[in-house]
Amino acid sequence: MREITYAEAIREAMSQEMRANQDVFILGEDIGIYGGAFGVTNGMIEEFGPERVRNTPISEAAISGCAVGAAMTGMRPILELQFSDFVTIAMDNIVNQAAKMRYMFGGKAKVPVVIRTPGGSGAGFAAQHSQSLEAWMAHIPGLKVVQPSTPYDAKGLLKAAINDDNPVMFYEHKMLYGVKGDVPEETYEIPLGKADIKKEGKDVTIVATAMMVHKSMEAAKLLEEEGISVEVIDPRTLVPLDEETILHSVRKTGRVIVVYEAVKRGGYGAEIASMIGESDVFDYLDAPIMRLGGRAVPMPYNAFLEQKAVPQVEDIIQACKTIMNK
């Protein structure tokens, strides 16, 4: 094990797969010499050349169409969208082409494309570059949706996504790129659809995604000092969702809070909450299921307002205290 950043872990996953399989290539805006908007592809063009690290025009519609077409003809493209907000421009190719082809061709067609894209707030990029839109894609049959929170998870999940024969939306949080963690140098995969218990506890279960995993872990540490034991579950993949790990935890604690950065209304946390409510675990609940999500506002540019728009550590602490008193 050595300690590397989230961005380095993603780069290492792509590089290892590109060395192992000539069909794997990456494409996107400014991913070559510039190294991508967040530096994730730094140095890759020197190793793999411009044929396999393809700079593209500024057209998400064209890039996504190229990636989906390449996947259908036997390649394994990794598409980098500079910001997850720009998925709107690529929607038809992802939703009506990539997600539907395997079904429409009776299972004979494969579309092994990975669409990497950073989402989330915290960098002051304002309303058009800070959204968390993963729930959109989780709604589409035929797409897998991945949202890693640590360098270890990012590497293992990305390698699994690249080797999957289905289209995978791979959401990276832009504020996690510099976060460091232990990552093996050798190759490994984390199966899609397997959650991770980031911290064990007995009083409250928190199911958190992406940046909210880190905020929940910080809140859990502070709550331990007040005698409240919090279990933190990171689904890691939204589609497929590891329901059993979540339900097992809620059976144990009897209380659950779903924490996510996306707008609370219509966010993926509602899917997790309803899944719990519709299961036999409902009978084990000692308090109503709680959701903690972003406010229904365009993401502000102002740093103070940006913080107020999404859950913070103190909000998670207060939610835990509230649910313990119900």
C-alpha atoms as a PDB file:
ATOM      1  CA  MET A   1       0.000   0.000   0.000  1.00  0.00           C
ATOM      2  CA  ARG A   2       1.062   3.527  -0.713  1.00  0.00           C
ATOM      3  CA  GLU A   3      -0.837   6.735  -0.242  1.00  0.00           C
ATOM      4  CA  ILE A   4      -2.002   8.450  -3.429  1.00  0.00           C
ATOM      5  CA  THR A   5      -4.718  10.938  -4.293  1.00  0.00           C
ATOM      6  CA  TYR A   6      -8.184  10.220  -5.650  1.00  0.00           C
ATOM      7  CA  ALA A   7      -7.123  11.708  -9.011  1.00  0.00           C
ATOM      8  CA  GLU A   8      -3.959   9.592  -9.105  1.00  0.00           C
ATOM      9  CA  ALA A   9      -5.972   6.456  -8.318  1.00  0.00           C
ATOM     10  CA  ILE A  10      -8.284   7.144 -11.256  1.00  0.00           C
ATOM     11  CA  ARG A  11      -5.307   7.789 -13.550  1.00  0.00           C
ATOM     12  CA  GLU A  12      -3.642   4.563 -12.400  1.00  0.00           C
ATOM     13  CA  ALA A  13      -6.799   2.543 -13.070  1.00  0.00           C
ATOM     14  CA  MET A  14      -7.050   3.889 -16.614  1.00  0.00           C
ATOM     15  CA  SER A  15      -3.337   3.424 -17.303  1.00  0.00           C
ATOM     16  CA  GLN A  16      -3.301  -0.169 -16.064  1.00  0.00           C
ATOM     17  CA  GLU A  17      -6.299  -1.069 -18.203  1.00  0.00           C
ATOM     18  CA  MET A  18      -4.842   0.665 -21.262  1.00  0.00           C
ATOM     19  CA  ARG A  19      -1.603  -1.294 -20.883  1.00  0.00           C
ATOM     20  CA  ALA A  20      -3.543  -4.535 -20.536  1.00  0.00           C
ATOM     21  CA  ASN A  21      -6.026  -3.993 -23.369  1.00  0.00           C
ATOM     22  CA  GLN A  22      -5.358  -2.142 -26.626  1.00  0.00           C
ATOM     23  CA  ASP A  23      -9.106  -1.626 -27.111  1.00  0.00           C
ATOM     24  CA  VAL A  24      -9.228   0.784 -24.159  1.00  0.00           C
ATOM     25  CA  PHE A  25      -8.759   4.469 -25.006  1.00  0.00           C
ATOM     26  CA  ILE A  26      -9.840   7.787 -23.532  1.00  0.00           C
ATOM     27  CA  LEU A  27     -11.350  10.836 -25.208  1.00  0.00           C
ATOM     28  CA  GLY A  28     -12.491  14.243 -24.050  1.00  0.00           C
ATOM     29  CA  GLU A  29     -11.835  17.956 -24.069  1.00  0.00           C
ATOM     30  CA  ASP A  30      -8.294  19.051 -23.148  1.00  0.00           C
ATOM     31  CA  ILE A  31      -7.316  15.600 -21.814  1.00  0.00           C
ATOM     32  CA  GLY A  32      -4.028  15.478 -23.779  1.00  0.00           C
ATOM     33  CA  ILE A  33      -1.129  17.829 -23.089  1.00  0.00           C
ATOM     34  CA  TYR A  34      -3.272  19.931 -20.747  1.00  0.00           C
ATOM     35  CA  GLY A  35      -4.131  16.831 -18.682  1.00  0.00           C
ATOM     36  CA  GLY A  36      -7.852  17.459 -18.321  1.00  0.00           C
ATOM     37  CA  ALA A  37      -9.798  20.150 -16.492  1.00  0.00           C
ATOM     38  CA  PHE A  38      -8.736  18.705 -13.111  1.00  0.00           C
ATOM     39  CA  GLY A  39      -5.412  17.164 -14.142  1.00  0.00           C
ATOM     40  CA  VAL A  40      -6.623  13.571 -13.941  1.00  0.00           C
ATOM     41  CA  THR A  41      -5.056  12.554 -17.283  1.00  0.00           C
ATOM     42  CA  ASN A  42      -1.720  14.310 -16.687  1.00  0.00           C
ATOM     43  CA  GLY A  43       1.122  12.503 -18.467  1.00  0.00           C
ATOM     44  CA  MET A  44      -1.048   9.912 -20.158  1.00  0.00           C
ATOM     45  CA  ILE A  45      -0.601  11.275 -23.668  1.00  0.00           C
ATOM     46  CA  GLU A  46       3.184  10.875 -23.287  1.00  0.00           C
ATOM     47  CA  GLU A  47       2.778   7.155 -22.557  1.00  0.00           C
ATOM     48  CA  PHE A  48      -0.107   6.230 -24.831  1.00  0.00           C
ATOM     49  CA  GLY A  49       0.054   8.827 -27.610  1.00  0.00           C
ATOM     50  CA  PRO A  50      -2.662  10.968 -29.218  1.00  0.00           C
ATOM     51  CA  GLU A  51      -4.415   7.990 -30.843  1.00  0.00           C
ATOM     52  CA  ARG A  52      -5.412   6.576 -27.455  1.00  0.00           C
ATOM     53  CA  VAL A  53      -5.594   9.856 -25.505  1.00  0.00           C
ATOM     54  CA  ARG A  54      -7.804  11.763 -27.910  1.00  0.00           C
ATOM     55  CA  ASN A  55      -8.402  15.470 -27.546  1.00  0.00           C
ATOM     56  CA  THR A  56     -11.825  16.321 -28.921  1.00  0.00           C
ATOM     57  CA  PRO A  57     -13.735  19.391 -30.086  1.00  0.00           C
ATOM     58  CA  ILE A  58     -15.896  21.191 -27.536  1.00  0.00           C
ATOM     59  CA  SER A  59     -19.029  19.233 -28.357  1.00  0.00           C
ATOM     60  CA  GLU A  60     -20.399  16.821 -25.789  1.00  0.00           C
ATOM     61  CA  ALA A  61     -22.921  15.577 -28.343  1.00  0.00           C
ATOM     62  CA  ALA A  62     -20.142  14.663 -30.783  1.00  0.00           C
ATOM     63  CA  ILE A  63     -17.857  13.147 -28.138  1.00  0.00           C
ATOM     64  CA  SER A  64     -20.584  10.986 -26.612  1.00  0.00           C
ATOM     65  CA  GLY A  65     -21.729   9.804 -30.034  1.00  0.00           C
ATOM     66  CA  CYS A  66     -18.160   8.852 -30.912  1.00  0.00           C
ATOM     67  CA  ALA A  67     -17.731   6.970 -27.618  1.00  0.00           C
ATOM     68  CA  VAL A  68     -20.996   5.044 -27.898  1.00  0.00           C
ATOM     69  CA  GLY A  69     -20.294   4.130 -31.515  1.00  0.00           C
ATOM     70  CA  ALA A  70     -16.768   2.980 -30.683  1.00  0.00           C
ATOM     71  CA  ALA A  71     -18.107   0.821 -27.852  1.00  0.00           C
ATOM     72  CA  MET A  72     -20.669  -0.821 -30.119  1.00  0.00           C
ATOM     73  CA  THR A  73     -17.951  -1.776 -32.595  1.00  0.00           C
ATOM     74  CA  GLY A  74     -15.713  -3.494 -30.051  1.00  0.00           C
ATOM     75  CA  MET A  75     -13.644  -0.764 -28.389  1.00  0.00           C
ATOM     76  CA  ARG A  76     -13.745   0.136 -24.692  1.00  0.00           C
ATOM     77  CA  PRO A  77     -13.796   3.935 -24.620  1.00  0.00           C
ATOM     78  CA  ILE A  78     -13.515   6.055 -21.480  1.00  0.00           C
ATOM     79  CA  LEU A  79     -15.194   9.409 -22.069  1.00  0.00           C
ATOM     80  CA  GLU A  80     -14.334  12.346 -19.835  1.00  0.00           C
ATOM     81  CA  LEU A  81     -17.004  15.031 -19.569  1.00  0.00           C
ATOM     82  CA  GLN A  82     -15.394  18.088 -17.983  1.00  0.00           C
ATOM     83  CA  PHE A  83     -18.363  18.728 -15.666  1.00  0.00           C
ATOM     84  CA  SER A  84     -21.350  16.526 -14.929  1.00  0.00           C
ATOM     85  CA  ASP A  85     -23.606  19.477 -15.767  1.00  0.00           C
ATOM     86  CA  PHE A  86     -22.618  19.020 -19.425  1.00  0.00           C
ATOM     87  CA  VAL A  87     -24.349  15.637 -19.572  1.00  0.00           C
ATOM     88  CA  THR A  88     -27.387  17.578 -20.769  1.00  0.00           C
ATOM     89  CA  ILE A  89     -25.672  18.042 -24.155  1.00  0.00           C
ATOM     90  CA  ALA A  90     -24.902  14.305 -24.393  1.00  0.00           C
ATOM     91  CA  MET A  91     -28.262  13.074 -23.141  1.00  0.00           C
ATOM     92  CA  ASP A  92     -29.612  11.497 -26.319  1.00  0.00           C
ATOM     93  CA  ASN A  93     -26.499   9.427 -27.001  1.00  0.00           C
ATOM     94  CA  ILE A  94     -26.325   8.185 -23.401  1.00  0.00           C
ATOM     95  CA  VAL A  95     -30.024   7.687 -22.628  1.00  0.00           C
ATOM     96  CA  ASN A  96     -31.538   6.723 -25.997  1.00  0.00           C
ATOM     97  CA  GLN A  97     -28.543   4.958 -27.565  1.00  0.00           C
ATOM     98  CA  ALA A  98     -26.031   3.555 -25.062  1.00  0.00           C
ATOM     99  CA  ALA A  99     -28.640   2.534 -22.480  1.00  0.00           C
ATOM    100  CA  LYS A 100     -31.013   0.925 -24.992  1.00  0.00           C
ATOM    101  CA  MET A 101     -28.829  -0.913 -27.508  1.00  0.00           C
ATOM    102  CA  ARG A 102     -28.260  -4.157 -25.624  1.00  0.00           C
ATOM    103  CA  TYR A 103     -31.984  -4.601 -25.037  1.00  0.00           C
ATOM    104  CA  MET A 104     -33.017  -3.556 -28.543  1.00  0.00           C
ATOM    105  CA  PHE A 105     -30.604  -6.049 -30.126  1.00  0.00           C
ATOM    106  CA  GLY A 106     -31.764  -8.953 -27.967  1.00  0.00           C
ATOM    107  CA  GLY A 107     -28.650  -8.989 -25.806  1.00  0.00           C
ATOM    108  CA  LYS A 108     -26.313  -9.427 -28.778  1.00  0.00           C
ATOM    109  CA  ALA A 109     -24.980  -5.853 -28.716  1.00  0.00           C
ATOM    110  CA  LYS A 110     -22.539  -4.677 -26.056  1.00  0.00           C
ATOM    111  CA  VAL A 111     -21.876  -1.041 -25.180  1.00  0.00           C
ATOM    112  CA  PRO A 112     -18.814  -1.096 -22.876  1.00  0.00           C
ATOM    113  CA  VAL A 113     -18.391   2.658 -22.460  1.00  0.00           C
ATOM    114  CA  VAL A 114     -17.448   4.476 -19.249  1.00  0.00           C
ATOM    115  CA  ILE A 115     -18.472   8.111 -18.900  1.00  0.00           C
ATOM    116  CA  ARG A 116     -16.337   9.781 -16.230  1.00  0.00           C
ATOM    117  CA  THR A 117     -17.517  13.142 -15.011  1.00  0.00           C
ATOM    118  CA  PRO A 118     -16.949  15.345 -11.933  1.00  0.00           C
ATOM    119  CA  GLY A 119     -19.923  16.666 -10.032  1.00  0.00           C
ATOM    120  CA  GLY A 120     -20.632  18.434  -6.781  1.00  0.00           C
ATOM    121  CA  SER A 121     -20.054  21.809  -5.175  1.00  0.00           C
ATOM    122  CA  GLY A 122     -17.362  23.378  -3.016  1.00  0.00           C
ATOM    123  CA  ALA A 123     -15.088  24.927  -5.644  1.00  0.00           C
ATOM    124  CA  GLY A 124     -17.043  28.126  -6.312  1.00  0.00           C
ATOM    125  CA  PHE A 125     -17.953  27.112  -9.862  1.00  0.00           C
ATOM    126  CA  ALA A 126     -21.554  28.343  -9.434  1.00  0.00           C
ATOM    127  CA  ALA A 127     -24.855  27.166 -10.856  1.00  0.00           C
ATOM    128  CA  GLN A 128     -23.835  25.652 -14.198  1.00  0.00           C
ATOM    129  CA  HIS A 129     -20.747  23.731 -13.033  1.00  0.00           C
ATOM    130  CA  SER A 130     -21.624  22.423  -9.548  1.00  0.00           C
ATOM    131  CA  GLN A 131     -24.669  20.197  -9.821  1.00  0.00           C
ATOM    132  CA  SER A 132     -25.094  16.631  -8.584  1.00  0.00           C
ATOM    133  CA  LEU A 133     -27.206  14.933 -11.238  1.00  0.00           C
ATOM    134  CA  GLU A 134     -26.585  11.244 -10.608  1.00  0.00           C
ATOM    135  CA  ALA A 135     -30.287  10.585  -9.873  1.00  0.00           C
ATOM    136  CA  TRP A 136     -31.108  11.421 -13.506  1.00  0.00           C
ATOM    137  CA  MET A 137     -28.979   8.539 -14.741  1.00  0.00           C
ATOM    138  CA  ALA A 138     -30.061   6.141 -12.006  1.00  0.00           C
ATOM    139  CA  HIS A 139     -33.563   6.492 -13.455  1.00  0.00           C
ATOM    140  CA  ILE A 140     -32.522   5.027 -16.833  1.00  0.00           C
ATOM    141  CA  PRO A 141     -32.715   1.237 -17.303  1.00  0.00           C
ATOM    142  CA  GLY A 142     -29.551  -0.025 -18.991  1.00  0.00           C
ATOM    143  CA  LEU A 143     -27.115   2.336 -17.259  1.00  0.00           C
ATOM    144  CA  LYS A 144     -24.944   1.529 -14.264  1.00  0.00           C
ATOM    145  CA  VAL A 145     -24.137   4.424 -11.922  1.00  0.00           C
ATOM    146  CA  VAL A 146     -20.994   4.555  -9.778  1.00  0.00           C
ATOM    147  CA  GLN A 147     -20.023   7.188  -7.190  1.00  0.00           C
ATOM    148  CA  PRO A 148     -16.754   6.463  -5.345  1.00  0.00           C
ATOM    149  CA  SER A 149     -15.757   8.411  -2.228  1.00  0.00           C
ATOM    150  CA  THR A 150     -12.146   7.274  -1.646  1.00  0.00           C
ATOM    151  CA  PRO A 151      -8.993   6.704  -3.738  1.00  0.00           C
ATOM    152  CA  TYR A 152      -9.129   2.950  -3.027  1.00  0.00           C
ATOM    153  CA  ASP A 153     -12.739   2.732  -4.185  1.00  0.00           C
ATOM    154  CA  ALA A 154     -12.130   4.979  -7.187  1.00  0.00           C
ATOM    155  CA  LYS A 155      -9.403   2.726  -8.600  1.00  0.00           C
ATOM    156  CA  GLY A 156     -11.158  -0.572  -7.985  1.00  0.00           C
ATOM    157  CA  LEU A 157     -14.567   0.585  -9.180  1.00  0.00           C
ATOM    158  CA  LEU A 158     -13.197   2.269 -12.309  1.00  0.00           C
ATOM    159  CA  LYS A 159     -11.358  -0.887 -13.341  1.00  0.00           C
ATOM    160  CA  ALA A 160     -14.566  -2.890 -12.864  1.00  0.00           C
ATOM    161  CA  ALA A 161     -16.485  -0.300 -14.879  1.00  0.00           C
ATOM    162  CA  ILE A 162     -13.998  -0.416 -17.773  1.00  0.00           C
ATOM    163  CA  ASN A 163     -14.319  -4.209 -17.949  1.00  0.00           C
ATOM    164  CA  ASP A 164     -18.107  -4.172 -17.750  1.00  0.00           C
ATOM    165  CA  ASP A 165     -19.984  -4.790 -21.007  1.00  0.00           C
ATOM    166  CA  ASN A 166     -22.627  -2.191 -20.133  1.00  0.00           C
ATOM    167  CA  PRO A 167     -22.513   1.631 -20.181  1.00  0.00           C
ATOM    168  CA  VAL A 168     -21.384   3.020 -16.825  1.00  0.00           C
ATOM    169  CA  MET A 169     -21.785   6.570 -15.516  1.00  0.00           C
ATOM    170  CA  PHE A 170     -18.807   7.177 -13.233  1.00  0.00           C
ATOM    171  CA  TYR A 171     -19.353  10.220 -11.016  1.00  0.00           C
ATOM    172  CA  GLU A 172     -16.274  11.755  -9.378  1.00  0.00           C
ATOM    173  CA  HIS A 173     -16.568  14.560  -6.835  1.00  0.00           C
ATOM    174  CA  LYS A 174     -14.337  17.454  -7.808  1.00  0.00           C
ATOM    175  CA  MET A 175     -13.493  18.227  -4.167  1.00  0.00           C
ATOM    176  CA  LEU A 176     -12.158  14.699  -3.672  1.00  0.00           C
ATOM    177  CA  TYR A 177      -9.455  14.811  -6.371  1.00  0.00           C
ATOM    178  CA  GLY A 178      -6.805  15.892  -3.864  1.00  0.00           C
ATOM    179  CA  VAL A 179      -7.892  13.555  -1.043  1.00  0.00           C
ATOM    180  CA  LYS A 180      -5.257  10.908  -0.240  1.00  0.00           C
ATOM    181  CA  GLY A 181      -5.704   7.313   0.798  1.00  0.00           C
ATOM    182  CA  ASP A 182      -4.064   3.883   0.807  1.00  0.00           C
ATOM    183  CA  VAL A 183      -4.224   2.208  -2.611  1.00  0.00           C
ATOM    184  CA  PRO A 184      -2.476  -1.008  -3.688  1.00  0.00           C
ATOM    185  CA  GLU A 185      -0.174  -0.619  -6.666  1.00  0.00           C
ATOM    186  CA  GLU A 186      -1.247  -3.968  -8.110  1.00  0.00           C
ATOM    187  CA  THR A 187      -4.400  -4.381 -10.130  1.00  0.00           C
ATOM    188  CA  TYR A 188      -7.717  -5.115  -8.360  1.00  0.00           C
ATOM    189  CA  GLU A 189     -11.409  -4.637  -8.992  1.00  0.00           C
ATOM    190  CA  ILE A 190     -14.307  -3.810  -6.663  1.00  0.00           C
ATOM    191  CA  PRO A 191     -17.510  -5.474  -7.888  1.00  0.00           C
ATOM    192  CA  LEU A 192     -20.214  -3.040  -8.927  1.00  0.00           C
ATOM    193  CA  GLY A 193     -23.160  -3.331  -6.547  1.00  0.00           C
ATOM    194  CA  LYS A 194     -21.204  -3.899  -3.325  1.00  0.00           C
ATOM    195  CA  ALA A 195     -21.523  -1.280  -0.576  1.00  0.00           C
ATOM    196  CA  ASP A 196     -18.854  -0.599   2.031  1.00  0.00           C
ATOM    197  CA  ILE A 197     -19.258  -0.100   5.766  1.00  0.00           C
ATOM    198  CA  LYS A 198     -16.959   2.853   6.369  1.00  0.00           C
ATOM    199  CA  LYS A 199     -17.605   2.850  10.117  1.00  0.00           C
ATOM    200  CA  GLU A 200     -19.487   0.453  12.360  1.00  0.00           C
ATOM    201  CA  GLY A 201     -21.978   1.693  14.951  1.00  0.00           C
ATOM    202  CA  LYS A 202     -25.092   0.660  16.877  1.00  0.00           C
ATOM    203  CA  ASP A 203     -27.390   3.683  17.335  1.00  0.00           C
ATOM    204  CA  VAL A 204     -27.905   5.307  13.923  1.00  0.00           C
ATOM    205  CA  THR A 205     -27.199   4.274  10.333  1.00  0.00           C
ATOM    206  CA  ILE A 206     -26.075   6.961   7.905  1.00  0.00           C
ATOM    207  CA  VAL A 207     -26.183   6.057   4.224  1.00  0.00           C
ATOM    208  CA  ALA A 208     -24.026   8.642   2.467  1.00  0.00           C
ATOM    209  CA  THR A 209     -22.559   9.161  -0.984  1.00  0.00           C
ATOM    210  CA  ALA A 210     -19.438  10.843  -2.404  1.00  0.00           C
ATOM    211  CA  MET A 211     -18.335  13.924  -0.407  1.00  0.00           C
ATOM    212  CA  MET A 212     -21.085  13.303   2.139  1.00  0.00           C
ATOM    213  CA  VAL A 213     -19.283  10.111   3.224  1.00  0.00           C
ATOM    214  CA  HIS A 214     -16.390  12.231   4.504  1.00  0.00           C
ATOM    215  CA  LYS A 215     -18.696  14.733   6.201  1.00  0.00           C
ATOM    216  CA  SER A 216     -20.637  11.873   7.803  1.00  0.00           C
ATOM    217  CA  MET A 217     -17.435  10.269   9.070  1.00  0.00           C
ATOM    218  CA  GLU A 218     -16.403  13.559  10.655  1.00  0.00           C
ATOM    219  CA  ALA A 219     -19.830  13.962  12.229  1.00  0.00           C
ATOM    220  CA  ALA A 220     -19.758  10.361  13.509  1.00  0.00           C
ATOM    221  CA  LYS A 221     -16.411  10.952  15.191  1.00  0.00           C
ATOM    222  CA  LEU A 222     -17.744  14.001  17.025  1.00  0.00           C
ATOM    223  CA  LEU A 223     -20.966  12.228  17.990  1.00  0.00           C
ATOM    224  CA  GLU A 224     -18.989   9.367  19.557  1.00  0.00           C
ATOM    225  CA  GLU A 225     -17.769  11.886  22.133  1.00  0.00           C
ATOM    226  CA  GLU A 226     -21.419  12.486  23.068  1.00  0.00           C
ATOM    227  CA  GLY A 227     -22.217   8.799  23.350  1.00  0.00           C
ATOM    228  CA  ILE A 228     -23.977   8.365  19.997  1.00  0.00           C
ATOM    229  CA  SER A 229     -22.634   5.456  17.943  1.00  0.00           C
ATOM    230  CA  VAL A 230     -23.058   6.001  14.194  1.00  0.00           C
ATOM    231  CA  GLU A 231     -22.666   3.421  11.420  1.00  0.00           C
ATOM    232  CA  VAL A 232     -21.698   4.914   8.037  1.00  0.00           C
ATOM    233  CA  ILE A 233     -22.592   3.007   4.858  1.00  0.00           C
ATOM    234  CA  ASP A 234     -21.238   4.053   1.458  1.00  0.00           C
ATOM    235  CA  PRO A 235     -23.259   2.412  -1.357  1.00  0.00           C
ATOM    236  CA  ARG A 236     -20.394   3.128  -3.808  1.00  0.00           C
ATOM    237  CA  THR A 237     -22.669   2.177  -6.694  1.00  0.00           C
ATOM    238  CA  LEU A 238     -26.208   3.511  -7.001  1.00  0.00           C
ATOM    239  CA  VAL A 239     -27.072   1.116  -9.822  1.00  0.00           C
ATOM    240  CA  PRO A 240     -26.847  -1.725  -8.954  1.00  0.00           C
ATOM    241  CA  LEU A 241     -27.581  -0.914  -5.316  1.00  0.00           C
ATOM    242  CA  ASP A 242     -26.445  -3.188  -2.497  1.00  0.00           C
ATOM    243  CA  GLU A 243     -29.749  -3.223  -0.667  1.00  0.00           C
ATOM    244  CA  GLU A 244     -28.862  -6.022   1.735  1.00  0.00           C
ATOM    245  CA  THR A 245     -25.901  -4.228   3.336  1.00  0.00           C
ATOM    246  CA  ILE A 246     -28.064  -1.166   3.949  1.00  0.00           C
ATOM    247  CA  LEU A 247     -30.999  -3.176   5.294  1.00  0.00           C
ATOM    248  CA  HIS A 248     -28.775  -5.260   7.568  1.00  0.00           C
ATOM    249  CA  SER A 249     -27.406  -2.087   9.143  1.00  0.00           C
ATOM    250  CA  VAL A 250     -30.859  -0.556   9.651  1.00  0.00           C
ATOM    251  CA  ARG A 251     -32.123  -3.767  11.262  1.00  0.00           C
ATOM    252  CA  LYS A 252     -29.308  -3.381  13.777  1.00  0.00           C
ATOM    253  CA  THR A 253     -29.611   0.327  14.578  1.00  0.00           C
ATOM    254  CA  GLY A 254     -33.346   0.978  14.074  1.00  0.00           C
ATOM    255  CA  ARG A 255     -32.646   4.490  12.806  1.00  0.00           C
ATOM    256  CA  VAL A 256     -31.457   5.705   9.413  1.00  0.00           C
ATOM    257  CA  ILE A 257     -30.496   9.014   7.797  1.00  0.00           C
ATOM    258  CA  VAL A 258     -29.755   9.215   4.075  1.00  0.00           C
ATOM    259  CA  VAL A 259     -27.276  12.010   3.343  1.00  0.00           C
ATOM    260  CA  TYR A 260     -26.566  13.247  -0.173  1.00  0.00           C
ATOM    261  CA  GLU A 261     -25.426  16.485  -1.794  1.00  0.00           C
ATOM    262  CA  ALA A 262     -27.930  16.584  -4.653  1.00  0.00           C
ATOM    263  CA  VAL A 263     -31.147  18.536  -4.241  1.00  0.00           C
ATOM    264  CA  LYS A 264     -33.234  16.687  -1.657  1.00  0.00           C
ATOM    265  CA  ARG A 265     -36.371  16.796  -3.805  1.00  0.00           C
ATOM    266  CA  GLY A 266     -36.202  13.919  -6.274  1.00  0.00           C
ATOM    267  CA  GLY A 267     -32.671  12.950  -5.231  1.00  0.00           C
ATOM    268  CA  TYR A 268     -31.397   9.378  -5.116  1.00  0.00           C
ATOM    269  CA  GLY A 269     -31.716   9.431  -1.349  1.00  0.00           C
ATOM    270  CA  ALA A 270     -35.481   9.182  -1.846  1.00  0.00           C
ATOM    271  CA  GLU A 271     -34.956   5.857  -3.651  1.00  0.00           C
ATOM    272  CA  ILE A 272     -32.886   4.515  -0.757  1.00  0.00           C
ATOM    273  CA  ALA A 273     -35.447   5.736   1.773  1.00  0.00           C
ATOM    274  CA  SER A 274     -38.368   4.158  -0.098  1.00  0.00           C
ATOM    275  CA  MET A 275     -36.453   0.902  -0.525  1.00  0.00           C
ATOM    276  CA  ILE A 276     -36.038   0.731   3.268  1.00  0.00           C
ATOM    277  CA  GLY A 277     -39.651   1.721   3.891  1.00  0.00           C
ATOM    278  CA  GLU A 278     -41.000  -0.939   1.533  1.00  0.00           C
ATOM    279  CA  SER A 279     -38.896  -3.730   3.068  1.00  0.00           C
ATOM    280  CA  ASP A 280     -39.495  -5.854   6.161  1.00  0.00           C
ATOM    281  CA  VAL A 281     -36.922  -3.658   7.912  1.00  0.00           C
ATOM    282  CA  PHE A 282     -39.677  -1.075   8.335  1.00  0.00           C
ATOM    283  CA  ASP A 283     -40.851  -3.056  11.381  1.00  0.00           C
ATOM    284  CA  TYR A 284     -37.423  -2.586  12.996  1.00  0.00           C
ATOM    285  CA  LEU A 285     -37.479   1.225  12.786  1.00  0.00           C
ATOM    286  CA  ASP A 286     -37.576   3.168  16.046  1.00  0.00           C
ATOM    287  CA  ALA A 287     -37.909   6.519  14.275  1.00  0.00           C
ATOM    288  CA  PRO A 288     -39.027   7.805  10.853  1.00  0.00           C
ATOM    289  CA  ILE A 289     -36.511   7.589   8.008  1.00  0.00           C
ATOM    290  CA  MET A 290     -34.740  10.934   7.538  1.00  0.00           C
ATOM    291  CA  ARG A 291     -33.277  12.451   4.381  1.00  0.00           C
ATOM    292  CA  LEU A 292     -30.660  15.187   4.415  1.00  0.00           C
ATOM    293  CA  GLY A 293     -30.044  16.696   0.993  1.00  0.00           C
ATOM    294  CA  GLY A 294     -29.275  19.913  -0.835  1.00  0.00           C
ATOM    295  CA  ARG A 295     -31.590  22.890  -0.945  1.00  0.00           C
ATOM    296  CA  ALA A 296     -33.768  23.404  -4.026  1.00  0.00           C
ATOM    297  CA  VAL A 297     -31.758  26.363  -5.317  1.00  0.00           C
ATOM    298  CA  PRO A 298     -29.274  26.848  -8.167  1.00  0.00           C
ATOM    299  CA  MET A 299     -25.807  26.486  -6.674  1.00  0.00           C
ATOM    300  CA  PRO A 300     -24.612  29.952  -5.537  1.00  0.00           C
ATOM    301  CA  TYR A 301     -21.195  31.347  -6.451  1.00  0.00           C
ATOM    302  CA  ASN A 302     -20.807  33.019  -3.054  1.00  0.00           C
ATOM    303  CA  ALA A 303     -18.783  30.688  -0.806  1.00  0.00           C
ATOM    304  CA  PHE A 304     -20.972  31.199   2.283  1.00  0.00           C
ATOM    305  CA  LEU A 305     -24.195  30.566   0.360  1.00  0.00           C
ATOM    306  CA  GLU A 306     -22.634  27.595  -1.429  1.00  0.00           C
ATOM    307  CA  GLN A 307     -21.980  25.950   1.940  1.00  0.00           C
ATOM    308  CA  LYS A 308     -25.538  26.666   3.061  1.00  0.00           C
ATOM    309  CA  ALA A 309     -26.934  24.988  -0.067  1.00  0.00           C
ATOM    310  CA  VAL A 310     -25.681  21.484   0.812  1.00  0.00           C
ATOM    311  CA  PRO A 311     -25.464  19.470   4.051  1.00  0.00           C
ATOM    312  CA  GLN A 312     -22.493  20.208   6.307  1.00  0.00           C
ATOM    313  CA  VAL A 313     -21.044  18.348   9.298  1.00  0.00           C
ATOM    314  CA  GLU A 314     -23.099  20.322  11.787  1.00  0.00           C
ATOM    315  CA  ASP A 315     -26.309  19.506   9.859  1.00  0.00           C
ATOM    316  CA  ILE A 316     -25.530  15.790  10.033  1.00  0.00           C
ATOM    317  CA  ILE A 317     -24.801  16.028  13.767  1.00  0.00           C
ATOM    318  CA  GLN A 318     -28.106  17.809  14.372  1.00  0.00           C
ATOM    319  CA  ALA A 319     -30.006  15.254  12.278  1.00  0.00           C
ATOM    320  CA  CYS A 320     -28.514  12.415  14.341  1.00  0.00           C
ATOM    321  CA  LYS A 321     -29.477  14.102  17.606  1.00  0.00           C
ATOM    322  CA  THR A 322     -32.993  14.708  16.284  1.00  0.00           C
ATOM    323  CA  ILE A 323     -33.553  11.119  15.212  1.00  0.00           C
ATOM    324  CA  MET A 324     -32.192   9.821  18.521  1.00  0.00           C
ATOM    325  CA  ASN A 325     -34.848  11.861  20.357  1.00  0.00           C
ATOM    326  CA  LYS A 326     -37.778  10.558  18.293  1.00  0.00           C
END
